[in-house]
Amino acid sequence: MDWYLIQTKPKAHFIASEQLERQNFEVFLPLILKTSKVANKFTTKAVPIFPSYLFIGTHTKKVSWKSVNATRGVSRVITLDGKYRPLGDHIVEGL
């Protein structure tokens, strides 16, 4: 499976994740539990380890990047030299 890095719009990681799953991508959004104090009350919620970023996986070599970039909640697909290049499997597996 090829994995790609996606930059999401601010605080839109769950929306982007849901919309990309509807397009048959596998989505990896690593979360961590964060406890914070709000109005003298402690609350714990799941937040992304990498704010505004998630990973999508696909077995398809021909991906409609225009469609991915236009997905609700997605800011852009991260490219290298203007080309869509997959990440090494070891990066995602290591997370």
PDB file of N, CA and C in Angstrom:
ATOM      1  N   MET A   1       0.840  -1.176   0.000  1.00  0.00           N
ATOM      2  CA  MET A   1       0.000   0.000   0.000  1.00  0.00           C
ATOM      3  C   MET A   1       0.883   1.237   0.000  1.00  0.00           C
ATOM      4  N   ASP A   2       0.495   2.209  -0.798  1.00  0.00           N
ATOM      5  CA  ASP A   2       1.214   3.483  -0.841  1.00  0.00           C
ATOM      6  C   ASP A   2       0.542   4.475   0.090  1.00  0.00           C
ATOM      7  N   TRP A   3       1.339   5.191   0.880  1.00  0.00           N
ATOM      8  CA  TRP A   3       0.826   6.175   1.827  1.00  0.00           C
ATOM      9  C   TRP A   3       1.275   7.568   1.415  1.00  0.00           C
ATOM     10  N   TYR A   4       0.352   8.521   1.566  1.00  0.00           N
ATOM     11  CA  TYR A   4       0.626   9.913   1.204  1.00  0.00           C
ATOM     12  C   TYR A   4       0.264  10.806   2.379  1.00  0.00           C
ATOM     13  N   LEU A   5       0.953  11.931   2.486  1.00  0.00           N
ATOM     14  CA  LEU A   5       0.713  12.888   3.562  1.00  0.00           C
ATOM     15  C   LEU A   5      -0.242  13.971   3.068  1.00  0.00           C
ATOM     16  N   ILE A   6      -1.266  14.223   3.882  1.00  0.00           N
ATOM     17  CA  ILE A   6      -2.297  15.209   3.556  1.00  0.00           C
ATOM     18  C   ILE A   6      -2.272  16.316   4.606  1.00  0.00           C
ATOM     19  N   GLN A   7      -2.310  17.552   4.163  1.00  0.00           N
ATOM     20  CA  GLN A   7      -2.466  18.677   5.086  1.00  0.00           C
ATOM     21  C   GLN A   7      -3.944  19.035   5.110  1.00  0.00           C
ATOM     22  N   THR A   8      -4.502  19.108   6.308  1.00  0.00           N
ATOM     23  CA  THR A   8      -5.919  19.435   6.441  1.00  0.00           C
ATOM     24  C   THR A   8      -6.088  20.906   6.793  1.00  0.00           C
ATOM     25  N   LYS A   9      -7.298  21.377   6.624  1.00  0.00           N
ATOM     26  CA  LYS A   9      -7.608  22.734   7.055  1.00  0.00           C
ATOM     27  C   LYS A   9      -7.626  22.747   8.577  1.00  0.00           C
ATOM     28  N   PRO A  10      -7.435  23.911   9.208  1.00  0.00           N
ATOM     29  CA  PRO A  10      -7.385  23.969  10.675  1.00  0.00           C
ATOM     30  C   PRO A  10      -8.632  23.348  11.323  1.00  0.00           C
ATOM     31  N   LYS A  11      -8.393  22.435  12.245  1.00  0.00           N
ATOM     32  CA  LYS A  11      -9.429  21.745  13.025  1.00  0.00           C
ATOM     33  C   LYS A  11     -10.430  20.988  12.161  1.00  0.00           C
ATOM     34  N   ALA A  12     -10.014  20.571  10.967  1.00  0.00           N
ATOM     35  CA  ALA A  12     -10.901  19.834  10.064  1.00  0.00           C
ATOM     36  C   ALA A  12     -10.406  18.405   9.811  1.00  0.00           C
ATOM     37  N   HIS A  13      -9.559  17.878  10.696  1.00  0.00           N
ATOM     38  CA  HIS A  13      -8.974  16.556  10.484  1.00  0.00           C
ATOM     39  C   HIS A  13     -10.025  15.447  10.496  1.00  0.00           C
ATOM     40  N   PHE A  14     -11.042  15.543  11.371  1.00  0.00           N
ATOM     41  CA  PHE A  14     -12.059  14.493  11.414  1.00  0.00           C
ATOM     42  C   PHE A  14     -12.970  14.559  10.189  1.00  0.00           C
ATOM     43  N   ILE A  15     -13.291  15.755   9.727  1.00  0.00           N
ATOM     44  CA  ILE A  15     -14.109  15.917   8.520  1.00  0.00           C
ATOM     45  C   ILE A  15     -13.361  15.363   7.312  1.00  0.00           C
ATOM     46  N   ALA A  16     -12.087  15.743   7.171  1.00  0.00           N
ATOM     47  CA  ALA A  16     -11.278  15.269   6.049  1.00  0.00           C
ATOM     48  C   ALA A  16     -11.146  13.746   6.088  1.00  0.00           C
ATOM     49  N   SER A  17     -10.924  13.205   7.272  1.00  0.00           N
ATOM     50  CA  SER A  17     -10.784  11.764   7.429  1.00  0.00           C
ATOM     51  C   SER A  17     -12.046  11.042   6.962  1.00  0.00           C
ATOM     52  N   GLU A  18     -13.187  11.512   7.392  1.00  0.00           N
ATOM     53  CA  GLU A  18     -14.468  10.904   7.015  1.00  0.00           C
ATOM     54  C   GLU A  18     -14.702  10.985   5.505  1.00  0.00           C
ATOM     55  N   GLN A  19     -14.429  12.143   4.922  1.00  0.00           N
ATOM     56  CA  GLN A  19     -14.645  12.329   3.487  1.00  0.00           C
ATOM     57  C   GLN A  19     -13.685  11.472   2.654  1.00  0.00           C
ATOM     58  N   LEU A  20     -12.441  11.326   3.079  1.00  0.00           N
ATOM     59  CA  LEU A  20     -11.478  10.505   2.354  1.00  0.00           C
ATOM     60  C   LEU A  20     -11.823   9.021   2.454  1.00  0.00           C
ATOM     61  N   GLU A  21     -12.342   8.591   3.604  1.00  0.00           N
ATOM     62  CA  GLU A  21     -12.786   7.201   3.742  1.00  0.00           C
ATOM     63  C   GLU A  21     -13.943   6.915   2.795  1.00  0.00           C
ATOM     64  N   ARG A  22     -14.804   7.890   2.582  1.00  0.00           N
ATOM     65  CA  ARG A  22     -15.914   7.724   1.632  1.00  0.00           C
ATOM     66  C   ARG A  22     -15.411   7.562   0.198  1.00  0.00           C
ATOM     67  N   GLN A  23     -14.207   8.036  -0.064  1.00  0.00           N
ATOM     68  CA  GLN A  23     -13.599   7.891  -1.390  1.00  0.00           C
ATOM     69  C   GLN A  23     -12.759   6.613  -1.481  1.00  0.00           C
ATOM     70  N   ASN A  24     -12.918   5.731  -0.503  1.00  0.00           N
ATOM     71  CA  ASN A  24     -12.253   4.418  -0.449  1.00  0.00           C
ATOM     72  C   ASN A  24     -10.753   4.482  -0.202  1.00  0.00           C
ATOM     73  N   PHE A  25     -10.296   5.524   0.485  1.00  0.00           N
ATOM     74  CA  PHE A  25      -8.907   5.567   0.933  1.00  0.00           C
ATOM     75  C   PHE A  25      -8.848   5.009   2.348  1.00  0.00           C
ATOM     76  N   GLU A  26      -7.718   4.426   2.689  1.00  0.00           N
ATOM     77  CA  GLU A  26      -7.492   4.060   4.078  1.00  0.00           C
ATOM     78  C   GLU A  26      -6.869   5.288   4.734  1.00  0.00           C
ATOM     79  N   VAL A  27      -7.432   5.694   5.862  1.00  0.00           N
ATOM     80  CA  VAL A  27      -6.973   6.907   6.531  1.00  0.00           C
ATOM     81  C   VAL A  27      -6.295   6.528   7.838  1.00  0.00           C
ATOM     82  N   PHE A  28      -5.130   7.126   8.064  1.00  0.00           N
ATOM     83  CA  PHE A  28      -4.417   6.941   9.326  1.00  0.00           C
ATOM     84  C   PHE A  28      -4.243   8.306   9.965  1.00  0.00           C
ATOM     85  N   LEU A  29      -4.948   8.503  11.067  1.00  0.00           N
ATOM     86  CA  LEU A  29      -4.889   9.751  11.821  1.00  0.00           C
ATOM     87  C   LEU A  29      -4.452   9.400  13.236  1.00  0.00           C
ATOM     88  N   PRO A  30      -3.139   9.450  13.521  1.00  0.00           N
ATOM     89  CA  PRO A  30      -2.670   9.082  14.860  1.00  0.00           C
ATOM     90  C   PRO A  30      -3.141  10.093  15.908  1.00  0.00           C
ATOM     91  N   LEU A  31      -3.761   9.567  16.962  1.00  0.00           N
ATOM     92  CA  LEU A  31      -4.312  10.407  18.024  1.00  0.00           C
ATOM     93  C   LEU A  31      -3.626  10.119  19.344  1.00  0.00           C
ATOM     94  N   ILE A  32      -3.703  11.083  20.248  1.00  0.00           N
ATOM     95  CA  ILE A  32      -3.188  10.946  21.597  1.00  0.00           C
ATOM     96  C   ILE A  32      -4.211  11.581  22.541  1.00  0.00           C
ATOM     97  N   LEU A  33      -4.335  11.033  23.736  1.00  0.00           N
ATOM     98  CA  LEU A  33      -5.251  11.614  24.713  1.00  0.00           C
ATOM     99  C   LEU A  33      -4.587  12.797  25.394  1.00  0.00           C
ATOM    100  N   LYS A  34      -5.300  13.916  25.429  1.00  0.00           N
ATOM    101  CA  LYS A  34      -4.775  15.134  26.034  1.00  0.00           C
ATOM    102  C   LYS A  34      -5.743  15.597  27.115  1.00  0.00           C
ATOM    103  N   THR A  35      -5.215  15.844  28.301  1.00  0.00           N
ATOM    104  CA  THR A  35      -6.021  16.342  29.403  1.00  0.00           C
ATOM    105  C   THR A  35      -5.753  17.827  29.575  1.00  0.00           C
ATOM    106  N   SER A  36      -6.821  18.581  29.665  1.00  0.00           N
ATOM    107  CA  SER A  36      -6.674  20.019  29.863  1.00  0.00           C
ATOM    108  C   SER A  36      -7.719  20.501  30.869  1.00  0.00           C
ATOM    109  N   LYS A  37      -7.452  21.667  31.432  1.00  0.00           N
ATOM    110  CA  LYS A  37      -8.338  22.232  32.438  1.00  0.00           C
ATOM    111  C   LYS A  37      -9.170  23.335  31.791  1.00  0.00           C
ATOM    112  N   VAL A  38     -10.477  23.167  31.846  1.00  0.00           N
ATOM    113  CA  VAL A  38     -11.400  24.137  31.279  1.00  0.00           C
ATOM    114  C   VAL A  38     -12.432  24.479  32.352  1.00  0.00           C
ATOM    115  N   ALA A  39     -12.486  25.750  32.718  1.00  0.00           N
ATOM    116  CA  ALA A  39     -13.450  26.227  33.728  1.00  0.00           C
ATOM    117  C   ALA A  39     -13.366  25.402  35.015  1.00  0.00           C
ATOM    118  N   ASN A  40     -12.155  25.258  35.519  1.00  0.00           N
ATOM    119  CA  ASN A  40     -11.892  24.508  36.758  1.00  0.00           C
ATOM    120  C   ASN A  40     -12.317  23.047  36.689  1.00  0.00           C
ATOM    121  N   LYS A  41     -12.395  22.509  35.496  1.00  0.00           N
ATOM    122  CA  LYS A  41     -12.745  21.113  35.297  1.00  0.00           C
ATOM    123  C   LYS A  41     -11.733  20.488  34.341  1.00  0.00           C
ATOM    124  N   PHE A  42     -11.282  19.295  34.664  1.00  0.00           N
ATOM    125  CA  PHE A  42     -10.351  18.592  33.790  1.00  0.00           C
ATOM    126  C   PHE A  42     -11.136  17.787  32.761  1.00  0.00           C
ATOM    127  N   THR A  43     -10.735  17.929  31.505  1.00  0.00           N
ATOM    128  CA  THR A  43     -11.350  17.152  30.435  1.00  0.00           C
ATOM    129  C   THR A  43     -10.253  16.454  29.636  1.00  0.00           C
ATOM    130  N   THR A  44     -10.574  15.264  29.171  1.00  0.00           N
ATOM    131  CA  THR A  44      -9.643  14.489  28.361  1.00  0.00           C
ATOM    132  C   THR A  44     -10.289  14.246  27.005  1.00  0.00           C
ATOM    133  N   LYS A  45      -9.527  14.540  25.952  1.00  0.00           N
ATOM    134  CA  LYS A  45     -10.044  14.281  24.615  1.00  0.00           C
ATOM    135  C   LYS A  45      -8.916  13.814  23.710  1.00  0.00           C
ATOM    136  N   ALA A  46      -9.314  13.131  22.639  1.00  0.00           N
ATOM    137  CA  ALA A  46      -8.345  12.640  21.668  1.00  0.00           C
ATOM    138  C   ALA A  46      -8.021  13.757  20.682  1.00  0.00           C
ATOM    139  N   VAL A  47      -6.739  14.039  20.536  1.00  0.00           N
ATOM    140  CA  VAL A  47      -6.278  15.072  19.601  1.00  0.00           C
ATOM    141  C   VAL A  47      -5.202  14.460  18.697  1.00  0.00           C
ATOM    142  N   PRO A  48      -5.051  14.990  17.487  1.00  0.00           N
ATOM    143  CA  PRO A  48      -4.035  14.448  16.575  1.00  0.00           C
ATOM    144  C   PRO A  48      -2.616  14.674  17.106  1.00  0.00           C
ATOM    145  N   ILE A  49      -1.771  13.703  16.894  1.00  0.00           N
ATOM    146  CA  ILE A  49      -0.358  13.846  17.252  1.00  0.00           C
ATOM    147  C   ILE A  49       0.279  14.923  16.370  1.00  0.00           C
ATOM    148  N   PHE A  50      -0.115  14.928  15.087  1.00  0.00           N
ATOM    149  CA  PHE A  50       0.386  15.924  14.140  1.00  0.00           C
ATOM    150  C   PHE A  50      -0.786  16.807  13.729  1.00  0.00           C
ATOM    151  N   PRO A  51      -1.005  17.928  14.414  1.00  0.00           N
ATOM    152  CA  PRO A  51      -2.149  18.779  14.072  1.00  0.00           C
ATOM    153  C   PRO A  51      -2.111  19.196  12.595  1.00  0.00           C
ATOM    154  N   SER A  52      -3.257  19.119  11.958  1.00  0.00           N
ATOM    155  CA  SER A  52      -3.456  19.502  10.551  1.00  0.00           C
ATOM    156  C   SER A  52      -2.792  18.557   9.549  1.00  0.00           C
ATOM    157  N   TYR A  53      -2.460  17.333   9.973  1.00  0.00           N
ATOM    158  CA  TYR A  53      -1.892  16.358   9.036  1.00  0.00           C
ATOM    159  C   TYR A  53      -2.491  14.983   9.289  1.00  0.00           C
ATOM    160  N   LEU A  54      -2.672  14.229   8.200  1.00  0.00           N
ATOM    161  CA  LEU A  54      -3.082  12.832   8.285  1.00  0.00           C
ATOM    162  C   LEU A  54      -2.489  12.091   7.108  1.00  0.00           C
ATOM    163  N   PHE A  55      -2.602  10.784   7.111  1.00  0.00           N
ATOM    164  CA  PHE A  55      -2.045   9.949   6.060  1.00  0.00           C
ATOM    165  C   PHE A  55      -3.175   9.217   5.353  1.00  0.00           C
ATOM    166  N   ILE A  56      -3.071   9.070   4.025  1.00  0.00           N
ATOM    167  CA  ILE A  56      -4.018   8.227   3.303  1.00  0.00           C
ATOM    168  C   ILE A  56      -3.251   7.120   2.613  1.00  0.00           C
ATOM    169  N   GLY A  57      -3.867   5.949   2.585  1.00  0.00           N
ATOM    170  CA  GLY A  57      -3.257   4.798   1.935  1.00  0.00           C
ATOM    171  C   GLY A  57      -4.127   4.309   0.798  1.00  0.00           C
ATOM    172  N   THR A  58      -3.489   3.847  -0.258  1.00  0.00           N
ATOM    173  CA  THR A  58      -4.215   3.327  -1.411  1.00  0.00           C
ATOM    174  C   THR A  58      -3.395   2.244  -2.097  1.00  0.00           C
ATOM    175  N   HIS A  59      -4.101   1.297  -2.693  1.00  0.00           N
ATOM    176  CA  HIS A  59      -3.435   0.269  -3.496  1.00  0.00           C
ATOM    177  C   HIS A  59      -3.420   0.672  -4.964  1.00  0.00           C
ATOM    178  N   THR A  60      -4.203   1.699  -5.301  1.00  0.00           N
ATOM    179  CA  THR A  60      -4.330   2.166  -6.677  1.00  0.00           C
ATOM    180  C   THR A  60      -3.166   3.063  -7.053  1.00  0.00           C
ATOM    181  N   LYS A  61      -2.578   2.831  -8.197  1.00  0.00           N
ATOM    182  CA  LYS A  61      -1.480   3.682  -8.668  1.00  0.00           C
ATOM    183  C   LYS A  61      -2.015   4.954  -9.309  1.00  0.00           C
ATOM    184  N   LYS A  62      -3.224   4.890  -9.860  1.00  0.00           N
ATOM    185  CA  LYS A  62      -3.838   6.037 -10.526  1.00  0.00           C
ATOM    186  C   LYS A  62      -4.823   6.683  -9.558  1.00  0.00           C
ATOM    187  N   VAL A  63      -4.404   7.765  -8.918  1.00  0.00           N
ATOM    188  CA  VAL A  63      -5.233   8.474  -7.936  1.00  0.00           C
ATOM    189  C   VAL A  63      -5.634   9.818  -8.525  1.00  0.00           C
ATOM    190  N   SER A  64      -6.887  10.189  -8.342  1.00  0.00           N
ATOM    191  CA  SER A  64      -7.365  11.491  -8.805  1.00  0.00           C
ATOM    192  C   SER A  64      -6.975  12.545  -7.765  1.00  0.00           C
ATOM    193  N   TRP A  65      -5.784  13.120  -7.913  1.00  0.00           N
ATOM    194  CA  TRP A  65      -5.281  14.081  -6.933  1.00  0.00           C
ATOM    195  C   TRP A  65      -6.111  15.354  -6.922  1.00  0.00           C
ATOM    196  N   LYS A  66      -6.680  15.699  -8.059  1.00  0.00           N
ATOM    197  CA  LYS A  66      -7.549  16.871  -8.118  1.00  0.00           C
ATOM    198  C   LYS A  66      -8.752  16.669  -7.199  1.00  0.00           C
ATOM    199  N   SER A  67      -9.294  15.473  -7.197  1.00  0.00           N
ATOM    200  CA  SER A  67     -10.424  15.133  -6.334  1.00  0.00           C
ATOM    201  C   SER A  67     -10.021  15.140  -4.860  1.00  0.00           C
ATOM    202  N   VAL A  68      -8.834  14.601  -4.564  1.00  0.00           N
ATOM    203  CA  VAL A  68      -8.349  14.568  -3.172  1.00  0.00           C
ATOM    204  C   VAL A  68      -8.129  15.989  -2.665  1.00  0.00           C
ATOM    205  N   ASN A  69      -7.495  16.833  -3.474  1.00  0.00           N
ATOM    206  CA  ASN A  69      -7.245  18.219  -3.073  1.00  0.00           C
ATOM    207  C   ASN A  69      -8.539  19.018  -2.904  1.00  0.00           C
ATOM    208  N   ALA A  70      -9.602  18.603  -3.598  1.00  0.00           N
ATOM    209  CA  ALA A  70     -10.889  19.299  -3.504  1.00  0.00           C
ATOM    210  C   ALA A  70     -11.793  18.720  -2.417  1.00  0.00           C
ATOM    211  N   THR A  71     -11.310  17.716  -1.703  1.00  0.00           N
ATOM    212  CA  THR A  71     -12.105  17.072  -0.657  1.00  0.00           C
ATOM    213  C   THR A  71     -12.337  18.035   0.502  1.00  0.00           C
ATOM    214  N   ARG A  72     -13.547  17.994   1.037  1.00  0.00           N
ATOM    215  CA  ARG A  72     -13.902  18.846   2.174  1.00  0.00           C
ATOM    216  C   ARG A  72     -12.962  18.573   3.349  1.00  0.00           C
ATOM    217  N   GLY A  73     -12.372  19.603   3.908  1.00  0.00           N
ATOM    218  CA  GLY A  73     -11.459  19.485   5.038  1.00  0.00           C
ATOM    219  C   GLY A  73     -10.000  19.361   4.652  1.00  0.00           C
ATOM    220  N   VAL A  74      -9.722  19.069   3.378  1.00  0.00           N
ATOM    221  CA  VAL A  74      -8.340  18.912   2.914  1.00  0.00           C
ATOM    222  C   VAL A  74      -7.817  20.252   2.411  1.00  0.00           C
ATOM    223  N   SER A  75      -6.626  20.618   2.867  1.00  0.00           N
ATOM    224  CA  SER A  75      -5.977  21.821   2.366  1.00  0.00           C
ATOM    225  C   SER A  75      -5.197  21.485   1.094  1.00  0.00           C
ATOM    226  N   ARG A  76      -4.354  20.430   1.195  1.00  0.00           N
ATOM    227  CA  ARG A  76      -3.582  19.993   0.026  1.00  0.00           C
ATOM    228  C   ARG A  76      -2.877  18.681   0.327  1.00  0.00           C
ATOM    229  N   VAL A  77      -2.494  18.010  -0.738  1.00  0.00           N
ATOM    230  CA  VAL A  77      -1.647  16.828  -0.637  1.00  0.00           C
ATOM    231  C   VAL A  77      -0.209  17.322  -0.673  1.00  0.00           C
ATOM    232  N   ILE A  78       0.609  16.842   0.243  1.00  0.00           N
ATOM    233  CA  ILE A  78       2.015  17.254   0.290  1.00  0.00           C
ATOM    234  C   ILE A  78       2.759  16.592  -0.872  1.00  0.00           C
ATOM    235  N   THR A  79       3.487  17.410  -1.620  1.00  0.00           N
ATOM    236  CA  THR A  79       4.241  16.914  -2.770  1.00  0.00           C
ATOM    237  C   THR A  79       5.733  17.173  -2.578  1.00  0.00           C
ATOM    238  N   LEU A  80       6.512  16.514  -3.393  1.00  0.00           N
ATOM    239  CA  LEU A  80       7.951  16.739  -3.414  1.00  0.00           C
ATOM    240  C   LEU A  80       8.313  17.122  -4.845  1.00  0.00           C
ATOM    241  N   ASP A  81       8.824  18.305  -5.026  1.00  0.00           N
ATOM    242  CA  ASP A  81       9.143  18.831  -6.353  1.00  0.00           C
ATOM    243  C   ASP A  81       7.917  18.850  -7.270  1.00  0.00           C
ATOM    244  N   GLY A  82       6.735  19.068  -6.683  1.00  0.00           N
ATOM    245  CA  GLY A  82       5.503  19.131  -7.468  1.00  0.00           C
ATOM    246  C   GLY A  82       4.961  17.782  -7.897  1.00  0.00           C
ATOM    247  N   LYS A  83       5.557  16.696  -7.408  1.00  0.00           N
ATOM    248  CA  LYS A  83       5.104  15.343  -7.769  1.00  0.00           C
ATOM    249  C   LYS A  83       4.562  14.647  -6.533  1.00  0.00           C
ATOM    250  N   TYR A  84       3.505  13.876  -6.743  1.00  0.00           N
ATOM    251  CA  TYR A  84       2.897  13.116  -5.650  1.00  0.00           C
ATOM    252  C   TYR A  84       3.705  11.841  -5.449  1.00  0.00           C
ATOM    253  N   ARG A  85       4.446  11.808  -4.352  1.00  0.00           N
ATOM    254  CA  ARG A  85       5.322  10.662  -4.080  1.00  0.00           C
ATOM    255  C   ARG A  85       4.886   9.984  -2.786  1.00  0.00           C
ATOM    256  N   PRO A  86       4.805   8.652  -2.816  1.00  0.00           N
ATOM    257  CA  PRO A  86       4.395   7.941  -1.599  1.00  0.00           C
ATOM    258  C   PRO A  86       5.502   7.963  -0.547  1.00  0.00           C
ATOM    259  N   LEU A  87       5.070   7.870   0.706  1.00  0.00           N
ATOM    260  CA  LEU A  87       6.001   7.753   1.823  1.00  0.00           C
ATOM    261  C   LEU A  87       6.446   6.306   1.928  1.00  0.00           C
ATOM    262  N   GLY A  88       7.538   6.085   2.591  1.00  0.00           N
ATOM    263  CA  GLY A  88       7.969   4.715   2.848  1.00  0.00           C
ATOM    264  C   GLY A  88       7.014   4.051   3.836  1.00  0.00           C
ATOM    265  N   ASP A  89       6.715   2.765   3.603  1.00  0.00           N
ATOM    266  CA  ASP A  89       5.822   2.025   4.508  1.00  0.00           C
ATOM    267  C   ASP A  89       6.321   2.036   5.944  1.00  0.00           C
ATOM    268  N   HIS A  90       7.631   2.046   6.115  1.00  0.00           N
ATOM    269  CA  HIS A  90       8.211   1.993   7.455  1.00  0.00           C
ATOM    270  C   HIS A  90       7.837   3.208   8.300  1.00  0.00           C
ATOM    271  N   ILE A  91       7.563   4.339   7.662  1.00  0.00           N
ATOM    272  CA  ILE A  91       7.188   5.548   8.411  1.00  0.00           C
ATOM    273  C   ILE A  91       5.833   5.358   9.067  1.00  0.00           C
ATOM    274  N   VAL A  92       4.855   4.925   8.288  1.00  0.00           N
ATOM    275  CA  VAL A  92       3.496   4.732   8.821  1.00  0.00           C
ATOM    276  C   VAL A  92       3.460   3.558   9.789  1.00  0.00           C
ATOM    277  N   GLU A  93       4.139   2.487   9.457  1.00  0.00           N
ATOM    278  CA  GLU A  93       4.179   1.324  10.353  1.00  0.00           C
ATOM    279  C   GLU A  93       4.836   1.667  11.684  1.00  0.00           C
ATOM    280  N   GLY A  94       5.834   2.553  11.656  1.00  0.00           N
ATOM    281  CA  GLY A  94       6.514   2.953  12.872  1.00  0.00           C
ATOM    282  C   GLY A  94       5.647   3.789  13.808  1.00  0.00           C
ATOM    283  N   LEU A  95       4.667   4.480  13.213  1.00  0.00           N
ATOM    284  CA  LEU A  95       3.758   5.288  14.035  1.00  0.00           C
ATOM    285  C   LEU A  95       2.686   4.418  14.629  1.00  0.00           C
TER     286      LEU A  95
END
